[in-house]
């Protein structure tokens, strides 16, 4: 049981507005739908593109690390990422999921 005054001070500013508003439920549902759509779309792309995307966007690795793992040049990595992002966009749009 938290002290109500502490909770109020942590969650609201002096004007009574949220310091960090809660997420809307529909945003959570949409995020889950997008994640599920991306997972399904990633299954349809070539392995090297999928690996490049996952390492960059999910694992947050930098270019040098990814190039070393995939044994590609920086330019080639750029092409892989461009292609996979376009494929994902097209796939998500076909599923009716707009980013």
PDB file of N, CA and C in Angstrom:
ATOM      1  N   UNK A   1       0.848  -1.178   0.000  1.00  0.00           N
ATOM      2  CA  UNK A   1       0.000   0.000   0.000  1.00  0.00           C
ATOM      3  C   UNK A   1       0.893   1.241   0.000  1.00  0.00           C
ATOM      4  N   UNK A   2       0.880   1.952  -1.128  1.00  0.00           N
ATOM      5  CA  UNK A   2       1.686   3.157  -1.257  1.00  0.00           C
ATOM      6  C   UNK A   2       0.950   4.359  -0.690  1.00  0.00           C
ATOM      7  N   UNK A   3       1.729   5.293  -0.189  1.00  0.00           N
ATOM      8  CA  UNK A   3       1.173   6.542   0.296  1.00  0.00           C
ATOM      9  C   UNK A   3       0.589   7.301  -0.887  1.00  0.00           C
ATOM     10  N   UNK A   4      -0.658   7.690  -0.813  1.00  0.00           N
ATOM     11  CA  UNK A   4      -1.352   8.327  -1.931  1.00  0.00           C
ATOM     12  C   UNK A   4      -0.683   9.635  -2.345  1.00  0.00           C
ATOM     13  N   UNK A   5      -0.126  10.350  -1.399  1.00  0.00           N
ATOM     14  CA  UNK A   5       0.555  11.603  -1.728  1.00  0.00           C
ATOM     15  C   UNK A   5       1.799  11.341  -2.567  1.00  0.00           C
ATOM     16  N   UNK A   6       2.565  10.304  -2.220  1.00  0.00           N
ATOM     17  CA  UNK A   6       3.755   9.951  -2.993  1.00  0.00           C
ATOM     18  C   UNK A   6       3.376   9.525  -4.401  1.00  0.00           C
ATOM     19  N   UNK A   7       2.343   8.718  -4.507  1.00  0.00           N
ATOM     20  CA  UNK A   7       1.888   8.250  -5.812  1.00  0.00           C
ATOM     21  C   UNK A   7       1.460   9.438  -6.657  1.00  0.00           C
ATOM     22  N   UNK A   8       0.700  10.330  -6.083  1.00  0.00           N
ATOM     23  CA  UNK A   8       0.229  11.503  -6.816  1.00  0.00           C
ATOM     24  C   UNK A   8       1.403  12.347  -7.301  1.00  0.00           C
ATOM     25  N   UNK A   9       2.387  12.578  -6.433  1.00  0.00           N
ATOM     26  CA  UNK A   9       3.547  13.382  -6.816  1.00  0.00           C
ATOM     27  C   UNK A   9       4.372  12.721  -7.906  1.00  0.00           C
ATOM     28  N   UNK A  10       4.443  11.393  -7.908  1.00  0.00           N
ATOM     29  CA  UNK A  10       5.222  10.682  -8.914  1.00  0.00           C
ATOM     30  C   UNK A  10       4.521  10.657 -10.268  1.00  0.00           C
ATOM     31  N   UNK A  11       3.216  10.639 -10.267  1.00  0.00           N
ATOM     32  CA  UNK A  11       2.481  10.441 -11.516  1.00  0.00           C
ATOM     33  C   UNK A  11       1.898  11.705 -12.127  1.00  0.00           C
ATOM     34  N   UNK A  12       1.805  12.777 -11.343  1.00  0.00           N
ATOM     35  CA  UNK A  12       1.201  14.006 -11.848  1.00  0.00           C
ATOM     36  C   UNK A  12       2.112  15.197 -11.585  1.00  0.00           C
ATOM     37  N   UNK A  13       2.029  16.190 -12.491  1.00  0.00           N
ATOM     38  CA  UNK A  13       2.814  17.401 -12.285  1.00  0.00           C
ATOM     39  C   UNK A  13       2.029  18.388 -11.425  1.00  0.00           C
ATOM     40  N   UNK A  14       2.565  19.589 -11.238  1.00  0.00           N
ATOM     41  CA  UNK A  14       1.929  20.588 -10.373  1.00  0.00           C
ATOM     42  C   UNK A  14       0.565  21.029 -10.886  1.00  0.00           C
ATOM     43  N   UNK A  15       0.356  20.922 -12.203  1.00  0.00           N
ATOM     44  CA  UNK A  15      -0.922  21.328 -12.802  1.00  0.00           C
ATOM     45  C   UNK A  15      -1.947  20.197 -12.760  1.00  0.00           C
ATOM     46  N   UNK A  16      -1.545  19.007 -12.288  1.00  0.00           N
ATOM     47  CA  UNK A  16      -2.458  17.878 -12.212  1.00  0.00           C
ATOM     48  C   UNK A  16      -2.487  17.030 -13.472  1.00  0.00           C
ATOM     49  N   UNK A  17      -1.566  17.287 -14.395  1.00  0.00           N
ATOM     50  CA  UNK A  17      -1.492  16.496 -15.626  1.00  0.00           C
ATOM     51  C   UNK A  17      -0.563  15.305 -15.408  1.00  0.00           C
ATOM     52  N   UNK A  18      -0.802  14.239 -16.180  1.00  0.00           N
ATOM     53  CA  UNK A  18       0.059  13.068 -16.104  1.00  0.00           C
ATOM     54  C   UNK A  18       1.484  13.457 -16.450  1.00  0.00           C
ATOM     55  N   UNK A  19       2.465  12.954 -15.696  1.00  0.00           N
ATOM     56  CA  UNK A  19       3.861  13.151 -16.085  1.00  0.00           C
ATOM     57  C   UNK A  19       4.211  12.172 -17.194  1.00  0.00           C
ATOM     58  N   UNK A  20       3.628  11.006 -17.173  1.00  0.00           N
ATOM     59  CA  UNK A  20       3.763  10.002 -18.230  1.00  0.00           C
ATOM     60  C   UNK A  20       2.406   9.327 -18.371  1.00  0.00           C
ATOM     61  N   UNK A  21       1.600   9.781 -19.329  1.00  0.00           N
ATOM     62  CA  UNK A  21       0.236   9.250 -19.462  1.00  0.00           C
ATOM     63  C   UNK A  21       0.225   7.736 -19.713  1.00  0.00           C
ATOM     64  N   UNK A  22      -0.783   7.044 -19.190  1.00  0.00           N
ATOM     65  CA  UNK A  22      -0.883   5.609 -19.449  1.00  0.00           C
ATOM     66  C   UNK A  22      -1.177   5.365 -20.925  1.00  0.00           C
ATOM     67  N   UNK A  23      -0.716   4.229 -21.419  1.00  0.00           N
ATOM     68  CA  UNK A  23      -0.978   3.878 -22.820  1.00  0.00           C
ATOM     69  C   UNK A  23      -2.429   3.488 -22.987  1.00  0.00           C
ATOM     70  N   UNK A  24      -2.962   3.833 -24.128  1.00  0.00           N
ATOM     71  CA  UNK A  24      -4.330   3.460 -24.440  1.00  0.00           C
ATOM     72  C   UNK A  24      -4.379   1.962 -24.741  1.00  0.00           C
ATOM     73  N   UNK A  25      -5.450   1.314 -24.365  1.00  0.00           N
ATOM     74  CA  UNK A  25      -5.594  -0.119 -24.572  1.00  0.00           C
ATOM     75  C   UNK A  25      -5.523  -0.457 -26.051  1.00  0.00           C
ATOM     76  N   UNK A  26      -6.137   0.372 -26.897  1.00  0.00           N
ATOM     77  CA  UNK A  26      -6.113   0.073 -28.326  1.00  0.00           C
ATOM     78  C   UNK A  26      -4.703   0.158 -28.902  1.00  0.00           C
ATOM     79  N   UNK A  27      -3.847   0.968 -28.323  1.00  0.00           N
ATOM     80  CA  UNK A  27      -2.452   1.044 -28.767  1.00  0.00           C
ATOM     81  C   UNK A  27      -1.734  -0.265 -28.444  1.00  0.00           C
ATOM     82  N   UNK A  28      -2.028  -0.835 -27.292  1.00  0.00           N
ATOM     83  CA  UNK A  28      -1.425  -2.112 -26.910  1.00  0.00           C
ATOM     84  C   UNK A  28      -1.878  -3.222 -27.856  1.00  0.00           C
ATOM     85  N   UNK A  29      -3.150  -3.219 -28.188  1.00  0.00           N
ATOM     86  CA  UNK A  29      -3.684  -4.230 -29.103  1.00  0.00           C
ATOM     87  C   UNK A  29      -3.066  -4.063 -30.484  1.00  0.00           C
ATOM     88  N   UNK A  30      -2.958  -2.823 -30.947  1.00  0.00           N
ATOM     89  CA  UNK A  30      -2.354  -2.555 -32.253  1.00  0.00           C
ATOM     90  C   UNK A  30      -0.890  -2.992 -32.275  1.00  0.00           C
ATOM     91  N   UNK A  31      -0.152  -2.692 -31.213  1.00  0.00           N
ATOM     92  CA  UNK A  31       1.254  -3.102 -31.136  1.00  0.00           C
ATOM     93  C   UNK A  31       1.387  -4.624 -31.221  1.00  0.00           C
ATOM     94  N   UNK A  32       0.510  -5.342 -30.541  1.00  0.00           N
ATOM     95  CA  UNK A  32       0.549  -6.803 -30.587  1.00  0.00           C
ATOM     96  C   UNK A  32       0.234  -7.301 -31.993  1.00  0.00           C
ATOM     97  N   UNK A  33      -0.725  -6.646 -32.655  1.00  0.00           N
ATOM     98  CA  UNK A  33      -1.082  -7.016 -34.024  1.00  0.00           C
ATOM     99  C   UNK A  33       0.090  -6.779 -34.974  1.00  0.00           C
ATOM    100  N   UNK A  34       0.772  -5.659 -34.804  1.00  0.00           N
ATOM    101  CA  UNK A  34       1.931  -5.345 -35.650  1.00  0.00           C
ATOM    102  C   UNK A  34       3.050  -6.352 -35.413  1.00  0.00           C
ATOM    103  N   UNK A  35       3.330  -6.661 -34.143  1.00  0.00           N
ATOM    104  CA  UNK A  35       4.378  -7.645 -33.832  1.00  0.00           C
ATOM    105  C   UNK A  35       4.070  -8.994 -34.463  1.00  0.00           C
ATOM    106  N   UNK A  36       2.833  -9.426 -34.358  1.00  0.00           N
ATOM    107  CA  UNK A  36       2.422 -10.699 -34.947  1.00  0.00           C
ATOM    108  C   UNK A  36       2.539 -10.630 -36.477  1.00  0.00           C
ATOM    109  N   UNK A  37       2.150  -9.511 -37.062  1.00  0.00           N
ATOM    110  CA  UNK A  37       2.270  -9.339 -38.504  1.00  0.00           C
ATOM    111  C   UNK A  37       3.713  -9.364 -38.965  1.00  0.00           C
ATOM    112  N   UNK A  38       4.585  -8.687 -38.236  1.00  0.00           N
ATOM    113  CA  UNK A  38       6.009  -8.668 -38.587  1.00  0.00           C
ATOM    114  C   UNK A  38       6.589 -10.073 -38.500  1.00  0.00           C
ATOM    115  N   UNK A  39       6.233 -10.805 -37.440  1.00  0.00           N
ATOM    116  CA  UNK A  39       6.729 -12.176 -37.306  1.00  0.00           C
ATOM    117  C   UNK A  39       6.318 -13.022 -38.505  1.00  0.00           C
ATOM    118  N   UNK A  40       5.065 -12.916 -38.900  1.00  0.00           N
ATOM    119  CA  UNK A  40       4.579 -13.679 -40.046  1.00  0.00           C
ATOM    120  C   UNK A  40       5.245 -13.260 -41.340  1.00  0.00           C
ATOM    121  N   UNK A  41       5.448 -11.971 -41.507  1.00  0.00           N
ATOM    122  CA  UNK A  41       6.090 -11.459 -42.715  1.00  0.00           C
ATOM    123  C   UNK A  41       7.567 -11.836 -42.763  1.00  0.00           C
ATOM    124  N   UNK A  42       8.231 -11.819 -41.622  1.00  0.00           N
ATOM    125  CA  UNK A  42       9.651 -12.186 -41.591  1.00  0.00           C
ATOM    126  C   UNK A  42       9.872 -13.634 -42.018  1.00  0.00           C
ATOM    127  N   UNK A  43       8.877 -14.476 -41.773  1.00  0.00           N
ATOM    128  CA  UNK A  43       8.994 -15.875 -42.189  1.00  0.00           C
ATOM    129  C   UNK A  43       9.064 -16.008 -43.706  1.00  0.00           C
ATOM    130  N   UNK A  44       8.633 -14.973 -44.432  1.00  0.00           N
ATOM    131  CA  UNK A  44       8.549 -15.037 -45.889  1.00  0.00           C
ATOM    132  C   UNK A  44       9.744 -14.409 -46.600  1.00  0.00           C
ATOM    133  N   UNK A  45      10.670 -13.823 -45.857  1.00  0.00           N
ATOM    134  CA  UNK A  45      11.813 -13.165 -46.499  1.00  0.00           C
ATOM    135  C   UNK A  45      13.038 -14.075 -46.449  1.00  0.00           C
ATOM    136  N   UNK A  46      13.993 -13.867 -47.369  1.00  0.00           N
ATOM    137  CA  UNK A  46      15.214 -14.674 -47.362  1.00  0.00           C
ATOM    138  C   UNK A  46      15.950 -14.574 -46.015  1.00  0.00           C
ATOM    139  N   UNK A  47      16.617 -15.631 -45.667  1.00  0.00           N
ATOM    140  CA  UNK A  47      17.292 -15.745 -44.373  1.00  0.00           C
ATOM    141  C   UNK A  47      18.266 -14.594 -44.114  1.00  0.00           C
ATOM    142  N   UNK A  48      19.090 -14.239 -45.116  1.00  0.00           N
ATOM    143  CA  UNK A  48      20.085 -13.180 -44.889  1.00  0.00           C
ATOM    144  C   UNK A  48      19.416 -11.834 -44.608  1.00  0.00           C
ATOM    145  N   UNK A  49      18.291 -11.562 -45.253  1.00  0.00           N
ATOM    146  CA  UNK A  49      17.560 -10.324 -44.986  1.00  0.00           C
ATOM    147  C   UNK A  49      16.931 -10.363 -43.591  1.00  0.00           C
ATOM    148  N   UNK A  50      16.351 -11.490 -43.250  1.00  0.00           N
ATOM    149  CA  UNK A  50      15.725 -11.631 -41.926  1.00  0.00           C
ATOM    150  C   UNK A  50      16.769 -11.460 -40.828  1.00  0.00           C
ATOM    151  N   UNK A  51      17.929 -12.082 -41.010  1.00  0.00           N
ATOM    152  CA  UNK A  51      18.985 -11.966 -39.999  1.00  0.00           C
ATOM    153  C   UNK A  51      19.461 -10.521 -39.875  1.00  0.00           C
ATOM    154  N   UNK A  52      19.636  -9.841 -40.992  1.00  0.00           N
ATOM    155  CA  UNK A  52      20.067  -8.443 -40.961  1.00  0.00           C
ATOM    156  C   UNK A  52      19.057  -7.596 -40.197  1.00  0.00           C
ATOM    157  N   UNK A  53      17.770  -7.799 -40.476  1.00  0.00           N
ATOM    158  CA  UNK A  53      16.712  -7.030 -39.817  1.00  0.00           C
ATOM    159  C   UNK A  53      16.686  -7.295 -38.317  1.00  0.00           C
ATOM    160  N   UNK A  54      16.724  -8.560 -37.942  1.00  0.00           N
ATOM    161  CA  UNK A  54      16.657  -8.925 -36.525  1.00  0.00           C
ATOM    162  C   UNK A  54      17.865  -8.373 -35.765  1.00  0.00           C
ATOM    163  N   UNK A  55      19.047  -8.539 -36.352  1.00  0.00           N
ATOM    164  CA  UNK A  55      20.245  -8.046 -35.674  1.00  0.00           C
ATOM    165  C   UNK A  55      20.230  -6.530 -35.504  1.00  0.00           C
ATOM    166  N   UNK A  56      19.729  -5.813 -36.506  1.00  0.00           N
ATOM    167  CA  UNK A  56      19.712  -4.347 -36.438  1.00  0.00           C
ATOM    168  C   UNK A  56      18.550  -3.836 -35.586  1.00  0.00           C
ATOM    169  N   UNK A  57      17.349  -4.249 -35.921  1.00  0.00           N
ATOM    170  CA  UNK A  57      16.153  -3.653 -35.314  1.00  0.00           C
ATOM    171  C   UNK A  57      15.740  -4.266 -33.985  1.00  0.00           C
ATOM    172  N   UNK A  58      16.019  -5.524 -33.791  1.00  0.00           N
ATOM    173  CA  UNK A  58      15.598  -6.172 -32.545  1.00  0.00           C
ATOM    174  C   UNK A  58      16.753  -6.259 -31.557  1.00  0.00           C
ATOM    175  N   UNK A  59      17.907  -6.706 -32.054  1.00  0.00           N
ATOM    176  CA  UNK A  59      19.071  -6.825 -31.176  1.00  0.00           C
ATOM    177  C   UNK A  59      19.800  -5.498 -30.990  1.00  0.00           C
ATOM    178  N   UNK A  60      19.594  -4.548 -31.894  1.00  0.00           N
ATOM    179  CA  UNK A  60      20.196  -3.217 -31.782  1.00  0.00           C
ATOM    180  C   UNK A  60      21.684  -3.179 -32.050  1.00  0.00           C
ATOM    181  N   UNK A  61      22.175  -4.133 -32.827  1.00  0.00           N
ATOM    182  CA  UNK A  61      23.611  -4.172 -33.123  1.00  0.00           C
ATOM    183  C   UNK A  61      23.984  -3.080 -34.124  1.00  0.00           C
ATOM    184  N   UNK A  62      25.251  -2.686 -34.086  1.00  0.00           N
ATOM    185  CA  UNK A  62      25.709  -1.674 -35.038  1.00  0.00           C
ATOM    186  C   UNK A  62      26.181  -2.335 -36.333  1.00  0.00           C
ATOM    187  N   UNK A  63      26.430  -1.508 -37.332  1.00  0.00           N
ATOM    188  CA  UNK A  63      26.770  -1.978 -38.668  1.00  0.00           C
ATOM    189  C   UNK A  63      27.981  -2.896 -38.677  1.00  0.00           C
ATOM    190  N   UNK A  64      29.032  -2.510 -37.994  1.00  0.00           N
ATOM    191  CA  UNK A  64      30.255  -3.319 -38.005  1.00  0.00           C
ATOM    192  C   UNK A  64      30.017  -4.720 -37.440  1.00  0.00           C
ATOM    193  N   UNK A  65      29.281  -4.802 -36.353  1.00  0.00           N
ATOM    194  CA  UNK A  65      29.000  -6.105 -35.752  1.00  0.00           C
ATOM    195  C   UNK A  65      28.208  -6.992 -36.705  1.00  0.00           C
ATOM    196  N   UNK A  66      27.189  -6.401 -37.310  1.00  0.00           N
ATOM    197  CA  UNK A  66      26.332  -7.168 -38.211  1.00  0.00           C
ATOM    198  C   UNK A  66      27.117  -7.625 -39.434  1.00  0.00           C
ATOM    199  N   UNK A  67      27.926  -6.730 -39.997  1.00  0.00           N
ATOM    200  CA  UNK A  67      28.734  -7.091 -41.165  1.00  0.00           C
ATOM    201  C   UNK A  67      29.661  -8.251 -40.857  1.00  0.00           C
ATOM    202  N   UNK A  68      30.226  -8.248 -39.684  1.00  0.00           N
ATOM    203  CA  UNK A  68      31.138  -9.323 -39.290  1.00  0.00           C
ATOM    204  C   UNK A  68      30.373 -10.643 -39.159  1.00  0.00           C
ATOM    205  N   UNK A  69      29.224 -10.610 -38.528  1.00  0.00           N
ATOM    206  CA  UNK A  69      28.421 -11.819 -38.329  1.00  0.00           C
ATOM    207  C   UNK A  69      27.932 -12.381 -39.668  1.00  0.00           C
ATOM    208  N   UNK A  70      27.414 -11.491 -40.522  1.00  0.00           N
ATOM    209  CA  UNK A  70      26.846 -11.936 -41.796  1.00  0.00           C
ATOM    210  C   UNK A  70      27.890 -12.065 -42.903  1.00  0.00           C
ATOM    211  N   UNK A  71      29.105 -11.599 -42.614  1.00  0.00           N
ATOM    212  CA  UNK A  71      30.186 -11.620 -43.588  1.00  0.00           C
ATOM    213  C   UNK A  71      29.798 -10.877 -44.869  1.00  0.00           C
ATOM    214  N   UNK A  72      29.338  -9.633 -44.688  1.00  0.00           N
ATOM    215  CA  UNK A  72      28.974  -8.768 -45.816  1.00  0.00           C
ATOM    216  C   UNK A  72      29.624  -7.405 -45.612  1.00  0.00           C
ATOM    217  N   UNK A  73      29.646  -6.611 -46.680  1.00  0.00           N
ATOM    218  CA  UNK A  73      30.158  -5.247 -46.580  1.00  0.00           C
ATOM    219  C   UNK A  73      29.071  -4.340 -46.026  1.00  0.00           C
ATOM    220  N   UNK A  74      29.455  -3.153 -45.637  1.00  0.00           N
ATOM    221  CA  UNK A  74      28.484  -2.171 -45.162  1.00  0.00           C
ATOM    222  C   UNK A  74      27.462  -1.820 -46.233  1.00  0.00           C
ATOM    223  N   UNK A  75      27.927  -1.731 -47.464  1.00  0.00           N
ATOM    224  CA  UNK A  75      27.019  -1.431 -48.580  1.00  0.00           C
ATOM    225  C   UNK A  75      26.016  -2.556 -48.770  1.00  0.00           C
ATOM    226  N   UNK A  76      26.517  -3.790 -48.726  1.00  0.00           N
ATOM    227  CA  UNK A  76      25.636  -4.943 -48.881  1.00  0.00           C
ATOM    228  C   UNK A  76      24.615  -4.993 -47.750  1.00  0.00           C
ATOM    229  N   UNK A  77      25.033  -4.683 -46.534  1.00  0.00           N
ATOM    230  CA  UNK A  77      24.102  -4.658 -45.404  1.00  0.00           C
ATOM    231  C   UNK A  77      23.013  -3.621 -45.652  1.00  0.00           C
ATOM    232  N   UNK A  78      23.394  -2.464 -46.159  1.00  0.00           N
ATOM    233  CA  UNK A  78      22.406  -1.437 -46.468  1.00  0.00           C
ATOM    234  C   UNK A  78      21.372  -1.926 -47.465  1.00  0.00           C
ATOM    235  N   UNK A  79      21.828  -2.659 -48.469  1.00  0.00           N
ATOM    236  CA  UNK A  79      20.915  -3.214 -49.478  1.00  0.00           C
ATOM    237  C   UNK A  79      19.991  -4.244 -48.834  1.00  0.00           C
ATOM    238  N   UNK A  80      20.547  -5.126 -47.995  1.00  0.00           N
ATOM    239  CA  UNK A  80      19.727  -6.130 -47.314  1.00  0.00           C
ATOM    240  C   UNK A  80      18.637  -5.477 -46.467  1.00  0.00           C
ATOM    241  N   UNK A  81      19.023  -4.463 -45.700  1.00  0.00           N
ATOM    242  CA  UNK A  81      18.052  -3.785 -44.835  1.00  0.00           C
ATOM    243  C   UNK A  81      16.996  -3.055 -45.651  1.00  0.00           C
ATOM    244  N   UNK A  82      17.406  -2.425 -46.737  1.00  0.00           N
ATOM    245  CA  UNK A  82      16.451  -1.732 -47.608  1.00  0.00           C
ATOM    246  C   UNK A  82      15.432  -2.727 -48.168  1.00  0.00           C
ATOM    247  N   UNK A  83      15.918  -3.850 -48.652  1.00  0.00           N
ATOM    248  CA  UNK A  83      15.037  -4.853 -49.242  1.00  0.00           C
ATOM    249  C   UNK A  83      14.081  -5.453 -48.218  1.00  0.00           C
ATOM    250  N   UNK A  84      14.594  -5.800 -47.047  1.00  0.00           N
ATOM    251  CA  UNK A  84      13.728  -6.422 -46.046  1.00  0.00           C
ATOM    252  C   UNK A  84      12.692  -5.426 -45.532  1.00  0.00           C
ATOM    253  N   UNK A  85      13.061  -4.182 -45.367  1.00  0.00           N
ATOM    254  CA  UNK A  85      12.089  -3.182 -44.901  1.00  0.00           C
ATOM    255  C   UNK A  85      10.985  -2.990 -45.937  1.00  0.00           C
ATOM    256  N   UNK A  86      11.365  -2.960 -47.217  1.00  0.00           N
ATOM    257  CA  UNK A  86      10.347  -2.828 -48.264  1.00  0.00           C
ATOM    258  C   UNK A  86       9.425  -4.044 -48.289  1.00  0.00           C
ATOM    259  N   UNK A  87      10.007  -5.239 -48.165  1.00  0.00           N
ATOM    260  CA  UNK A  87       9.192  -6.458 -48.151  1.00  0.00           C
ATOM    261  C   UNK A  87       8.243  -6.465 -46.952  1.00  0.00           C
ATOM    262  N   UNK A  88       8.755  -6.073 -45.803  1.00  0.00           N
ATOM    263  CA  UNK A  88       7.907  -6.040 -44.606  1.00  0.00           C
ATOM    264  C   UNK A  88       6.782  -5.026 -44.768  1.00  0.00           C
ATOM    265  N   UNK A  89       7.104  -3.862 -45.292  1.00  0.00           N
ATOM    266  CA  UNK A  89       6.073  -2.834 -45.505  1.00  0.00           C
ATOM    267  C   UNK A  89       4.984  -3.359 -46.433  1.00  0.00           C
ATOM    268  N   UNK A  90       5.387  -3.955 -47.552  1.00  0.00           N
ATOM    269  CA  UNK A  90       4.423  -4.480 -48.512  1.00  0.00           C
ATOM    270  C   UNK A  90       3.585  -5.598 -47.895  1.00  0.00           C
ATOM    271  N   UNK A  91       4.218  -6.481 -47.159  1.00  0.00           N
ATOM    272  CA  UNK A  91       3.521  -7.590 -46.519  1.00  0.00           C
ATOM    273  C   UNK A  91       2.514  -7.080 -45.479  1.00  0.00           C
ATOM    274  N   UNK A  92       2.947  -6.141 -44.648  1.00  0.00           N
ATOM    275  CA  UNK A  92       2.050  -5.589 -43.627  1.00  0.00           C
ATOM    276  C   UNK A  92       0.875  -4.852 -44.263  1.00  0.00           C
ATOM    277  N   UNK A  93       1.145  -4.093 -45.338  1.00  0.00           N
ATOM    278  CA  UNK A  93       0.068  -3.399 -46.032  1.00  0.00           C
ATOM    279  C   UNK A  93      -0.928  -4.396 -46.626  1.00  0.00           C
ATOM    280  N   UNK A  94      -0.416  -5.499 -47.163  1.00  0.00           N
ATOM    281  CA  UNK A  94      -1.298  -6.535 -47.726  1.00  0.00           C
ATOM    282  C   UNK A  94      -2.176  -7.161 -46.649  1.00  0.00           C
ATOM    283  N   UNK A  95      -1.687  -7.184 -45.419  1.00  0.00           N
ATOM    284  CA  UNK A  95      -2.462  -7.716 -44.298  1.00  0.00           C
ATOM    285  C   UNK A  95      -3.374  -6.658 -43.690  1.00  0.00           C
ATOM    286  N   UNK A  96      -3.309  -5.446 -44.223  1.00  0.00           N
ATOM    287  CA  UNK A  96      -4.145  -4.359 -43.704  1.00  0.00           C
ATOM    288  C   UNK A  96      -3.589  -3.690 -42.472  1.00  0.00           C
ATOM    289  N   UNK A  97      -2.304  -3.880 -42.218  1.00  0.00           N
ATOM    290  CA  UNK A  97      -1.659  -3.264 -41.058  1.00  0.00           C
ATOM    291  C   UNK A  97      -0.850  -2.068 -41.555  1.00  0.00           C
ATOM    292  N   UNK A  98      -1.276  -0.889 -41.183  1.00  0.00           N
ATOM    293  CA  UNK A  98      -0.590   0.343 -41.598  1.00  0.00           C
ATOM    294  C   UNK A  98       0.308   0.816 -40.468  1.00  0.00           C
ATOM    295  N   UNK A  99       1.599   1.068 -40.785  1.00  0.00           N
ATOM    296  CA  UNK A  99       2.506   1.553 -39.737  1.00  0.00           C
ATOM    297  C   UNK A  99       2.174   2.959 -39.276  1.00  0.00           C
TER     298      UNK A  99
END
